Amino acid sequence: NAPEQEVIGSFRLFPLRTAWAITVHKSQGLTFDRAAI
C-alpha cells in the first residue's frame, strides 16, 4: 500500500544547450564560473 513511481514517458538527448545566453529563470540552481548579466 506504499506509493510507487511508475515511469510513463521518457525524453533522451545530449544534456547540452547552446550557452552564449540563458534566461535568469532557466539559470536558477546552476553554477557558472563567469557570467555577463
PDB file of all heavy atoms in Angstrom:
ATOM      1  N   ASN A   1       0.807  -1.222   0.000  1.00  0.00           N
ATOM      2  CA  ASN A   1       0.000   0.000   0.000  1.00  0.00           C
ATOM      3  C   ASN A   1       0.843   1.276   0.000  1.00  0.00           C
ATOM      4  O   ASN A   1       0.348   2.357   0.289  1.00  0.00           O
ATOM      5  CB  ASN A   1      -0.965   0.035   1.199  1.00  0.00           C
ATOM      6  CG  ASN A   1      -2.167  -0.866   0.986  1.00  0.00           C
ATOM      7  OD1 ASN A   1      -2.576  -1.102  -0.148  1.00  0.00           O
ATOM      8  ND2 ASN A   1      -2.721  -1.368   2.075  1.00  0.00           N
ATOM      9  N   ALA A   2       2.129   1.148  -0.299  1.00  0.00           N
ATOM     10  CA  ALA A   2       3.027   2.311  -0.335  1.00  0.00           C
ATOM     11  C   ALA A   2       3.013   2.929  -1.732  1.00  0.00           C
ATOM     12  O   ALA A   2       2.848   2.229  -2.734  1.00  0.00           O
ATOM     13  CB  ALA A   2       4.444   1.891   0.031  1.00  0.00           C
ATOM     14  N   PRO A   3       3.188   4.260  -1.829  1.00  0.00           N
ATOM     15  CA  PRO A   3       3.284   4.905  -3.147  1.00  0.00           C
ATOM     16  C   PRO A   3       4.528   4.423  -3.891  1.00  0.00           C
ATOM     17  O   PRO A   3       5.599   4.269  -3.300  1.00  0.00           O
ATOM     18  CB  PRO A   3       3.385   6.394  -2.811  1.00  0.00           C
ATOM     19  CG  PRO A   3       2.893   6.527  -1.409  1.00  0.00           C
ATOM     20  CD  PRO A   3       3.253   5.242  -0.732  1.00  0.00           C
ATOM     21  N   GLU A   4       4.365   4.189  -5.175  1.00  0.00           N
ATOM     22  CA  GLU A   4       5.479   3.799  -6.036  1.00  0.00           C
ATOM     23  C   GLU A   4       5.474   4.683  -7.275  1.00  0.00           C
ATOM     24  O   GLU A   4       4.415   5.081  -7.757  1.00  0.00           O
ATOM     25  CB  GLU A   4       5.353   2.342  -6.478  1.00  0.00           C
ATOM     26  CG  GLU A   4       5.668   1.329  -5.426  1.00  0.00           C
ATOM     27  CD  GLU A   4       5.640  -0.084  -5.989  1.00  0.00           C
ATOM     28  OE1 GLU A   4       4.967  -0.313  -7.013  1.00  0.00           O
ATOM     29  OE2 GLU A   4       6.291  -0.956  -5.398  1.00  0.00           O
ATOM     30  N   GLN A   5       6.661   4.963  -7.780  1.00  0.00           N
ATOM     31  CA  GLN A   5       6.760   5.718  -9.017  1.00  0.00           C
ATOM     32  C   GLN A   5       6.744   4.774 -10.213  1.00  0.00           C
ATOM     33  O   GLN A   5       7.444   3.772 -10.234  1.00  0.00           O
ATOM     34  CB  GLN A   5       8.038   6.551  -9.046  1.00  0.00           C
ATOM     35  CG  GLN A   5       7.981   7.807  -8.195  1.00  0.00           C
ATOM     36  CD  GLN A   5       9.138   8.746  -8.489  1.00  0.00           C
ATOM     37  OE1 GLN A   5      10.114   8.386  -9.138  1.00  0.00           O
ATOM     38  NE2 GLN A   5       9.035   9.980  -8.004  1.00  0.00           N
ATOM     39  N   GLU A   6       5.931   5.125 -11.188  1.00  0.00           N
ATOM     40  CA  GLU A   6       5.870   4.378 -12.444  1.00  0.00           C
ATOM     41  C   GLU A   6       6.290   5.314 -13.568  1.00  0.00           C
ATOM     42  O   GLU A   6       5.751   6.425 -13.704  1.00  0.00           O
ATOM     43  CB  GLU A   6       4.454   3.868 -12.688  1.00  0.00           C
ATOM     44  CG  GLU A   6       4.262   3.198 -14.033  1.00  0.00           C
ATOM     45  CD  GLU A   6       2.800   2.898 -14.335  1.00  0.00           C
ATOM     46  OE1 GLU A   6       1.933   3.209 -13.500  1.00  0.00           O
ATOM     47  OE2 GLU A   6       2.537   2.361 -15.427  1.00  0.00           O
ATOM     48  N   VAL A   7       7.272   4.906 -14.356  1.00  0.00           N
ATOM     49  CA  VAL A   7       7.722   5.723 -15.482  1.00  0.00           C
ATOM     50  C   VAL A   7       6.709   5.580 -16.613  1.00  0.00           C
ATOM     51  O   VAL A   7       6.415   4.484 -17.068  1.00  0.00           O
ATOM     52  CB  VAL A   7       9.118   5.281 -15.956  1.00  0.00           C
ATOM     53  CG1 VAL A   7       9.523   6.051 -17.215  1.00  0.00           C
ATOM     54  CG2 VAL A   7      10.154   5.500 -14.860  1.00  0.00           C
ATOM     55  N   ILE A   8       6.172   6.719 -17.063  1.00  0.00           N
ATOM     56  CA  ILE A   8       5.164   6.680 -18.121  1.00  0.00           C
ATOM     57  C   ILE A   8       5.655   7.316 -19.421  1.00  0.00           C
ATOM     58  O   ILE A   8       4.975   7.233 -20.438  1.00  0.00           O
ATOM     59  CB  ILE A   8       3.859   7.368 -17.666  1.00  0.00           C
ATOM     60  CG1 ILE A   8       4.114   8.825 -17.278  1.00  0.00           C
ATOM     61  CG2 ILE A   8       3.230   6.596 -16.521  1.00  0.00           C
ATOM     62  CD1 ILE A   8       2.846   9.595 -16.932  1.00  0.00           C
ATOM     63  N   GLY A   9       6.831   7.943 -19.363  1.00  0.00           N
ATOM     64  CA  GLY A   9       7.380   8.534 -20.575  1.00  0.00           C
ATOM     65  C   GLY A   9       8.826   8.912 -20.378  1.00  0.00           C
ATOM     66  O   GLY A   9       9.309   9.020 -19.248  1.00  0.00           O
ATOM     67  N   SER A  10       9.530   9.109 -21.495  1.00  0.00           N
ATOM     68  CA  SER A  10      10.947   9.473 -21.389  1.00  0.00           C
ATOM     69  C   SER A  10      11.342  10.425 -22.506  1.00  0.00           C
ATOM     70  O   SER A  10      10.706  10.490 -23.562  1.00  0.00           O
ATOM     71  CB  SER A  10      11.835   8.220 -21.436  1.00  0.00           C
ATOM     72  OG  SER A  10      11.707   7.566 -22.694  1.00  0.00           O
ATOM     73  N   PHE A  11      12.413  11.163 -22.239  1.00  0.00           N
ATOM     74  CA  PHE A  11      12.973  12.145 -23.181  1.00  0.00           C
ATOM     75  C   PHE A  11      14.480  11.949 -23.135  1.00  0.00           C
ATOM     76  O   PHE A  11      15.095  12.116 -22.082  1.00  0.00           O
ATOM     77  CB  PHE A  11      12.586  13.552 -22.720  1.00  0.00           C
ATOM     78  CG  PHE A  11      13.128  14.685 -23.556  1.00  0.00           C
ATOM     79  CD1 PHE A  11      12.302  15.375 -24.428  1.00  0.00           C
ATOM     80  CD2 PHE A  11      14.455  15.102 -23.441  1.00  0.00           C
ATOM     81  CE1 PHE A  11      12.786  16.453 -25.173  1.00  0.00           C
ATOM     82  CE2 PHE A  11      14.946  16.159 -24.179  1.00  0.00           C
ATOM     83  CZ  PHE A  11      14.106  16.839 -25.060  1.00  0.00           C
ATOM     84  N   ARG A  12      15.091  11.564 -24.271  1.00  0.00           N
ATOM     85  CA  ARG A  12      16.534  11.295 -24.297  1.00  0.00           C
ATOM     86  C   ARG A  12      17.215  12.189 -25.322  1.00  0.00           C
ATOM     87  O   ARG A  12      16.803  12.275 -26.484  1.00  0.00           O
ATOM     88  CB  ARG A  12      16.809   9.824 -24.618  1.00  0.00           C
ATOM     89  CG  ARG A  12      18.311   9.483 -24.677  1.00  0.00           C
ATOM     90  CD  ARG A  12      18.562   8.001 -24.853  1.00  0.00           C
ATOM     91  NE  ARG A  12      18.304   7.273 -23.618  1.00  0.00           N
ATOM     92  CZ  ARG A  12      19.171   7.146 -22.621  1.00  0.00           C
ATOM     93  NH1 ARG A  12      20.362   7.740 -22.683  1.00  0.00           N
ATOM     94  NH2 ARG A  12      18.867   6.433 -21.562  1.00  0.00           N
ATOM     95  N   LEU A  13      18.271  12.873 -24.862  1.00  0.00           N
ATOM     96  CA  LEU A  13      19.033  13.774 -25.720  1.00  0.00           C
ATOM     97  C   LEU A  13      20.368  14.066 -25.045  1.00  0.00           C
ATOM     98  O   LEU A  13      20.542  13.798 -23.855  1.00  0.00           O
ATOM     99  CB  LEU A  13      18.254  15.078 -25.941  1.00  0.00           C
ATOM    100  CG  LEU A  13      18.777  16.078 -26.980  1.00  0.00           C
ATOM    101  CD1 LEU A  13      18.825  15.469 -28.372  1.00  0.00           C
ATOM    102  CD2 LEU A  13      17.910  17.338 -26.996  1.00  0.00           C
ATOM    103  N   PHE A  14      21.303  14.619 -25.789  1.00  0.00           N
ATOM    104  CA  PHE A  14      22.546  15.076 -25.169  1.00  0.00           C
ATOM    105  C   PHE A  14      22.204  16.171 -24.148  1.00  0.00           C
ATOM    106  O   PHE A  14      21.439  17.090 -24.470  1.00  0.00           O
ATOM    107  CB  PHE A  14      23.519  15.619 -26.220  1.00  0.00           C
ATOM    108  CG  PHE A  14      24.028  14.583 -27.178  1.00  0.00           C
ATOM    109  CD1 PHE A  14      23.542  14.519 -28.475  1.00  0.00           C
ATOM    110  CD2 PHE A  14      24.984  13.661 -26.774  1.00  0.00           C
ATOM    111  CE1 PHE A  14      23.999  13.552 -29.362  1.00  0.00           C
ATOM    112  CE2 PHE A  14      25.451  12.683 -27.652  1.00  0.00           C
ATOM    113  CZ  PHE A  14      24.957  12.625 -28.950  1.00  0.00           C
ATOM    114  N   PRO A  15      22.741  16.104 -22.920  1.00  0.00           N
ATOM    115  CA  PRO A  15      22.378  17.072 -21.875  1.00  0.00           C
ATOM    116  C   PRO A  15      23.118  18.396 -22.046  1.00  0.00           C
ATOM    117  O   PRO A  15      23.868  18.842 -21.181  1.00  0.00           O
ATOM    118  CB  PRO A  15      22.798  16.357 -20.590  1.00  0.00           C
ATOM    119  CG  PRO A  15      23.962  15.511 -20.993  1.00  0.00           C
ATOM    120  CD  PRO A  15      23.666  15.057 -22.408  1.00  0.00           C
ATOM    121  N   LEU A  16      22.891  19.033 -23.199  1.00  0.00           N
ATOM    122  CA  LEU A  16      23.583  20.266 -23.556  1.00  0.00           C
ATOM    123  C   LEU A  16      22.590  21.275 -24.128  1.00  0.00           C
ATOM    124  O   LEU A  16      21.588  20.890 -24.743  1.00  0.00           O
ATOM    125  CB  LEU A  16      24.655  20.005 -24.621  1.00  0.00           C
ATOM    126  CG  LEU A  16      25.797  19.044 -24.284  1.00  0.00           C
ATOM    127  CD1 LEU A  16      26.572  18.706 -25.559  1.00  0.00           C
ATOM    128  CD2 LEU A  16      26.721  19.640 -23.232  1.00  0.00           C
ATOM    129  N   ARG A  17      22.884  22.550 -23.932  1.00  0.00           N
ATOM    130  CA  ARG A  17      22.180  23.608 -24.640  1.00  0.00           C
ATOM    131  C   ARG A  17      23.210  24.639 -25.073  1.00  0.00           C
ATOM    132  O   ARG A  17      24.267  24.789 -24.445  1.00  0.00           O
ATOM    133  CB  ARG A  17      21.083  24.240 -23.793  1.00  0.00           C
ATOM    134  CG  ARG A  17      21.589  25.036 -22.619  1.00  0.00           C
ATOM    135  CD  ARG A  17      20.503  25.956 -22.058  1.00  0.00           C
ATOM    136  NE  ARG A  17      19.516  25.255 -21.245  1.00  0.00           N
ATOM    137  CZ  ARG A  17      18.228  25.234 -21.512  1.00  0.00           C
ATOM    138  NH1 ARG A  17      17.765  25.852 -22.579  1.00  0.00           N
ATOM    139  NH2 ARG A  17      17.390  24.602 -20.723  1.00  0.00           N
ATOM    140  N   THR A  18      22.922  25.353 -26.177  1.00  0.00           N
ATOM    141  CA  THR A  18      23.829  26.432 -26.574  1.00  0.00           C
ATOM    142  C   THR A  18      23.854  27.462 -25.451  1.00  0.00           C
ATOM    143  O   THR A  18      22.837  27.741 -24.812  1.00  0.00           O
ATOM    144  CB  THR A  18      23.375  27.070 -27.893  1.00  0.00           C
ATOM    145  OG1 THR A  18      21.992  27.404 -27.827  1.00  0.00           O
ATOM    146  CG2 THR A  18      23.617  26.127 -29.059  1.00  0.00           C
ATOM    147  N   ALA A  19      25.036  28.026 -25.211  1.00  0.00           N
ATOM    148  CA  ALA A  19      25.214  28.757 -23.948  1.00  0.00           C
ATOM    149  C   ALA A  19      25.942  30.074 -24.091  1.00  0.00           C
ATOM    150  O   ALA A  19      26.751  30.437 -23.251  1.00  0.00           O
ATOM    151  CB  ALA A  19      25.938  27.869 -22.942  1.00  0.00           C
ATOM    152  N   TRP A  20      25.647  30.808 -25.150  1.00  0.00           N
ATOM    153  CA  TRP A  20      26.094  32.189 -25.148  1.00  0.00           C
ATOM    154  C   TRP A  20      25.180  33.013 -24.238  1.00  0.00           C
ATOM    155  O   TRP A  20      25.585  34.028 -23.709  1.00  0.00           O
ATOM    156  CB  TRP A  20      26.087  32.750 -26.561  1.00  0.00           C
ATOM    157  CG  TRP A  20      27.175  32.210 -27.438  1.00  0.00           C
ATOM    158  CD1 TRP A  20      28.479  32.633 -27.502  1.00  0.00           C
ATOM    159  CD2 TRP A  20      27.054  31.141 -28.381  1.00  0.00           C
ATOM    160  NE1 TRP A  20      29.167  31.892 -28.428  1.00  0.00           N
ATOM    161  CE2 TRP A  20      28.324  30.973 -28.994  1.00  0.00           C
ATOM    162  CE3 TRP A  20      26.010  30.306 -28.792  1.00  0.00           C
ATOM    163  CZ2 TRP A  20      28.556  30.017 -29.979  1.00  0.00           C
ATOM    164  CZ3 TRP A  20      26.240  29.354 -29.763  1.00  0.00           C
ATOM    165  CH2 TRP A  20      27.506  29.216 -30.346  1.00  0.00           C
ATOM    166  N   ALA A  21      23.917  32.538 -24.082  1.00  0.00           N
ATOM    167  CA  ALA A  21      22.962  33.255 -23.232  1.00  0.00           C
ATOM    168  C   ALA A  21      21.916  32.294 -22.682  1.00  0.00           C
ATOM    169  O   ALA A  21      21.634  31.250 -23.287  1.00  0.00           O
ATOM    170  CB  ALA A  21      22.283  34.375 -24.009  1.00  0.00           C
ATOM    171  N   ILE A  22      21.331  32.676 -21.536  1.00  0.00           N
ATOM    172  CA  ILE A  22      20.270  31.900 -20.907  1.00  0.00           C
ATOM    173  C   ILE A  22      19.440  32.859 -20.053  1.00  0.00           C
ATOM    174  O   ILE A  22      19.942  33.905 -19.623  1.00  0.00           O
ATOM    175  CB  ILE A  22      20.861  30.758 -20.028  1.00  0.00           C
ATOM    176  CG1 ILE A  22      19.764  29.799 -19.561  1.00  0.00           C
ATOM    177  CG2 ILE A  22      21.635  31.321 -18.842  1.00  0.00           C
ATOM    178  CD1 ILE A  22      20.315  28.582 -18.824  1.00  0.00           C
ATOM    179  N   THR A  23      18.173  32.549 -19.836  1.00  0.00           N
ATOM    180  CA  THR A  23      17.359  33.432 -19.001  1.00  0.00           C
ATOM    181  C   THR A  23      17.655  33.192 -17.522  1.00  0.00           C
ATOM    182  O   THR A  23      18.124  32.130 -17.123  1.00  0.00           O
ATOM    183  CB  THR A  23      15.854  33.205 -19.224  1.00  0.00           C
ATOM    184  OG1 THR A  23      15.509  31.875 -18.825  1.00  0.00           O
ATOM    185  CG2 THR A  23      15.470  33.445 -20.667  1.00  0.00           C
ATOM    186  N   VAL A  24      17.344  34.205 -16.717  1.00  0.00           N
ATOM    187  CA  VAL A  24      17.509  34.092 -15.271  1.00  0.00           C
ATOM    188  C   VAL A  24      16.685  32.922 -14.734  1.00  0.00           C
ATOM    189  O   VAL A  24      17.151  32.151 -13.900  1.00  0.00           O
ATOM    190  CB  VAL A  24      17.095  35.416 -14.581  1.00  0.00           C
ATOM    191  CG1 VAL A  24      17.059  35.249 -13.069  1.00  0.00           C
ATOM    192  CG2 VAL A  24      18.045  36.532 -14.969  1.00  0.00           C
ATOM    193  N   HIS A  25      15.446  32.777 -15.233  1.00  0.00           N
ATOM    194  CA  HIS A  25      14.579  31.699 -14.739  1.00  0.00           C
ATOM    195  C   HIS A  25      15.205  30.324 -14.976  1.00  0.00           C
ATOM    196  O   HIS A  25      15.210  29.475 -14.098  1.00  0.00           O
ATOM    197  CB  HIS A  25      13.205  31.769 -15.410  1.00  0.00           C
ATOM    198  CG  HIS A  25      12.291  32.788 -14.809  1.00  0.00           C
ATOM    199  ND1 HIS A  25      12.511  34.143 -14.949  1.00  0.00           N
ATOM    200  CD2 HIS A  25      11.159  32.656 -14.063  1.00  0.00           C
ATOM    201  CE1 HIS A  25      11.547  34.812 -14.322  1.00  0.00           C
ATOM    202  NE2 HIS A  25      10.723  33.933 -13.775  1.00  0.00           N
ATOM    203  N   LYS A  26      15.744  30.123 -16.185  1.00  0.00           N
ATOM    204  CA  LYS A  26      16.315  28.815 -16.512  1.00  0.00           C
ATOM    205  C   LYS A  26      17.670  28.597 -15.854  1.00  0.00           C
ATOM    206  O   LYS A  26      18.146  27.466 -15.770  1.00  0.00           O
ATOM    207  CB  LYS A  26      16.435  28.661 -18.030  1.00  0.00           C
ATOM    208  CG  LYS A  26      15.085  28.487 -18.711  1.00  0.00           C
ATOM    209  CD  LYS A  26      15.223  28.374 -20.221  1.00  0.00           C
ATOM    210  CE  LYS A  26      13.854  28.231 -20.866  1.00  0.00           C
ATOM    211  NZ  LYS A  26      13.935  28.238 -22.355  1.00  0.00           N
ATOM    212  N   SER A  27      18.291  29.682 -15.376  1.00  0.00           N
ATOM    213  CA  SER A  27      19.609  29.538 -14.750  1.00  0.00           C
ATOM    214  C   SER A  27      19.505  29.210 -13.263  1.00  0.00           C
ATOM    215  O   SER A  27      20.520  28.935 -12.620  1.00  0.00           O
ATOM    216  CB  SER A  27      20.428  30.824 -14.923  1.00  0.00           C
ATOM    217  OG  SER A  27      19.927  31.859 -14.080  1.00  0.00           O
ATOM    218  N   GLN A  28      18.290  29.247 -12.707  1.00  0.00           N
ATOM    219  CA  GLN A  28      18.146  29.016 -11.269  1.00  0.00           C
ATOM    220  C   GLN A  28      18.698  27.639 -10.898  1.00  0.00           C
ATOM    221  O   GLN A  28      18.345  26.627 -11.473  1.00  0.00           O
ATOM    222  CB  GLN A  28      16.680  29.111 -10.847  1.00  0.00           C
ATOM    223  CG  GLN A  28      16.487  29.039  -9.335  1.00  0.00           C
ATOM    224  CD  GLN A  28      15.057  29.382  -8.930  1.00  0.00           C
ATOM    225  OE1 GLN A  28      14.290  29.894  -9.727  1.00  0.00           O
ATOM    226  NE2 GLN A  28      14.708  29.094  -7.703  1.00  0.00           N
ATOM    227  N   GLY A  29      19.598  27.628  -9.911  1.00  0.00           N
ATOM    228  CA  GLY A  29      20.188  26.375  -9.452  1.00  0.00           C
ATOM    229  C   GLY A  29      21.446  25.967 -10.198  1.00  0.00           C
ATOM    230  O   GLY A  29      22.072  24.976  -9.837  1.00  0.00           O
ATOM    231  N   LEU A  30      21.829  26.719 -11.233  1.00  0.00           N
ATOM    232  CA  LEU A  30      23.038  26.383 -11.983  1.00  0.00           C
ATOM    233  C   LEU A  30      24.243  27.107 -11.395  1.00  0.00           C
ATOM    234  O   LEU A  30      24.109  28.082 -10.659  1.00  0.00           O
ATOM    235  CB  LEU A  30      22.876  26.771 -13.457  1.00  0.00           C
ATOM    236  CG  LEU A  30      21.676  26.192 -14.205  1.00  0.00           C
ATOM    237  CD1 LEU A  30      21.721  26.600 -15.671  1.00  0.00           C
ATOM    238  CD2 LEU A  30      21.621  24.672 -14.081  1.00  0.00           C
ATOM    239  N   THR A  31      25.431  26.614 -11.743  1.00  0.00           N
ATOM    240  CA  THR A  31      26.679  27.203 -11.254  1.00  0.00           C
ATOM    241  C   THR A  31      27.529  27.624 -12.444  1.00  0.00           C
ATOM    242  O   THR A  31      27.856  26.794 -13.292  1.00  0.00           O
ATOM    243  CB  THR A  31      27.462  26.185 -10.396  1.00  0.00           C
ATOM    244  OG1 THR A  31      26.653  25.769  -9.297  1.00  0.00           O
ATOM    245  CG2 THR A  31      28.745  26.798  -9.865  1.00  0.00           C
ATOM    246  N   PHE A  32      27.871  28.910 -12.518  1.00  0.00           N
ATOM    247  CA  PHE A  32      28.704  29.434 -13.599  1.00  0.00           C
ATOM    248  C   PHE A  32      29.994  30.010 -13.031  1.00  0.00           C
ATOM    249  O   PHE A  32      29.995  30.601 -11.954  1.00  0.00           O
ATOM    250  CB  PHE A  32      27.970  30.553 -14.365  1.00  0.00           C
ATOM    251  CG  PHE A  32      26.653  30.136 -14.952  1.00  0.00           C
ATOM    252  CD1 PHE A  32      25.489  30.801 -14.589  1.00  0.00           C
ATOM    253  CD2 PHE A  32      26.563  29.102 -15.856  1.00  0.00           C
ATOM    254  CE1 PHE A  32      24.271  30.440 -15.126  1.00  0.00           C
ATOM    255  CE2 PHE A  32      25.355  28.719 -16.394  1.00  0.00           C
ATOM    256  CZ  PHE A  32      24.203  29.387 -16.027  1.00  0.00           C
ATOM    257  N   ASP A  33      31.077  29.845 -13.784  1.00  0.00           N
ATOM    258  CA  ASP A  33      32.354  30.439 -13.382  1.00  0.00           C
ATOM    259  C   ASP A  33      32.420  31.911 -13.767  1.00  0.00           C
ATOM    260  O   ASP A  33      32.974  32.732 -13.039  1.00  0.00           O
ATOM    261  CB  ASP A  33      33.515  29.681 -14.034  1.00  0.00           C
ATOM    262  CG  ASP A  33      33.630  28.255 -13.517  1.00  0.00           C
ATOM    263  OD1 ASP A  33      33.429  28.059 -12.306  1.00  0.00           O
ATOM    264  OD2 ASP A  33      33.902  27.351 -14.329  1.00  0.00           O
ATOM    265  N   ARG A  34      31.862  32.255 -14.937  1.00  0.00           N
ATOM    266  CA  ARG A  34      31.912  33.618 -15.433  1.00  0.00           C
ATOM    267  C   ARG A  34      30.574  33.950 -16.099  1.00  0.00           C
ATOM    268  O   ARG A  34      30.071  33.146 -16.898  1.00  0.00           O
ATOM    269  CB  ARG A  34      33.055  33.800 -16.452  1.00  0.00           C
ATOM    270  CG  ARG A  34      34.439  33.635 -15.848  1.00  0.00           C
ATOM    271  CD  ARG A  34      35.537  33.817 -16.891  1.00  0.00           C
ATOM    272  NE  ARG A  34      35.598  32.692 -17.813  1.00  0.00           N
ATOM    273  CZ  ARG A  34      36.248  31.554 -17.551  1.00  0.00           C
ATOM    274  NH1 ARG A  34      36.866  31.408 -16.399  1.00  0.00           N
ATOM    275  NH2 ARG A  34      36.287  30.589 -18.440  1.00  0.00           N
ATOM    276  N   ALA A  35      30.035  35.110 -15.800  1.00  0.00           N
ATOM    277  CA  ALA A  35      28.741  35.482 -16.381  1.00  0.00           C
ATOM    278  C   ALA A  35      28.688  36.979 -16.649  1.00  0.00           C
ATOM    279  O   ALA A  35      29.237  37.782 -15.897  1.00  0.00           O
ATOM    280  CB  ALA A  35      27.602  35.090 -15.443  1.00  0.00           C
ATOM    281  N   ALA A  36      28.010  37.337 -17.747  1.00  0.00           N
ATOM    282  CA  ALA A  36      27.672  38.727 -18.045  1.00  0.00           C
ATOM    283  C   ALA A  36      26.174  38.844 -17.806  1.00  0.00           C
ATOM    284  O   ALA A  36      25.387  38.081 -18.359  1.00  0.00           O
ATOM    285  CB  ALA A  36      28.017  39.066 -19.493  1.00  0.00           C
ATOM    286  N   ILE A  37      25.776  39.807 -16.969  1.00  0.00           N
ATOM    287  CA  ILE A  37      24.389  39.857 -16.513  1.00  0.00           C
ATOM    288  C   ILE A  37      23.688  41.079 -17.105  1.00  0.00           C
ATOM    289  O   ILE A  37      24.075  42.222 -16.850  1.00  0.00           O
ATOM    290  CB  ILE A  37      24.330  39.895 -14.968  1.00  0.00           C
ATOM    291  CG1 ILE A  37      25.089  38.687 -14.406  1.00  0.00           C
ATOM    292  CG2 ILE A  37      22.893  39.895 -14.489  1.00  0.00           C
ATOM    293  CD1 ILE A  37      25.221  38.699 -12.895  1.00  0.00           C
TER     294      ILE A  37
END
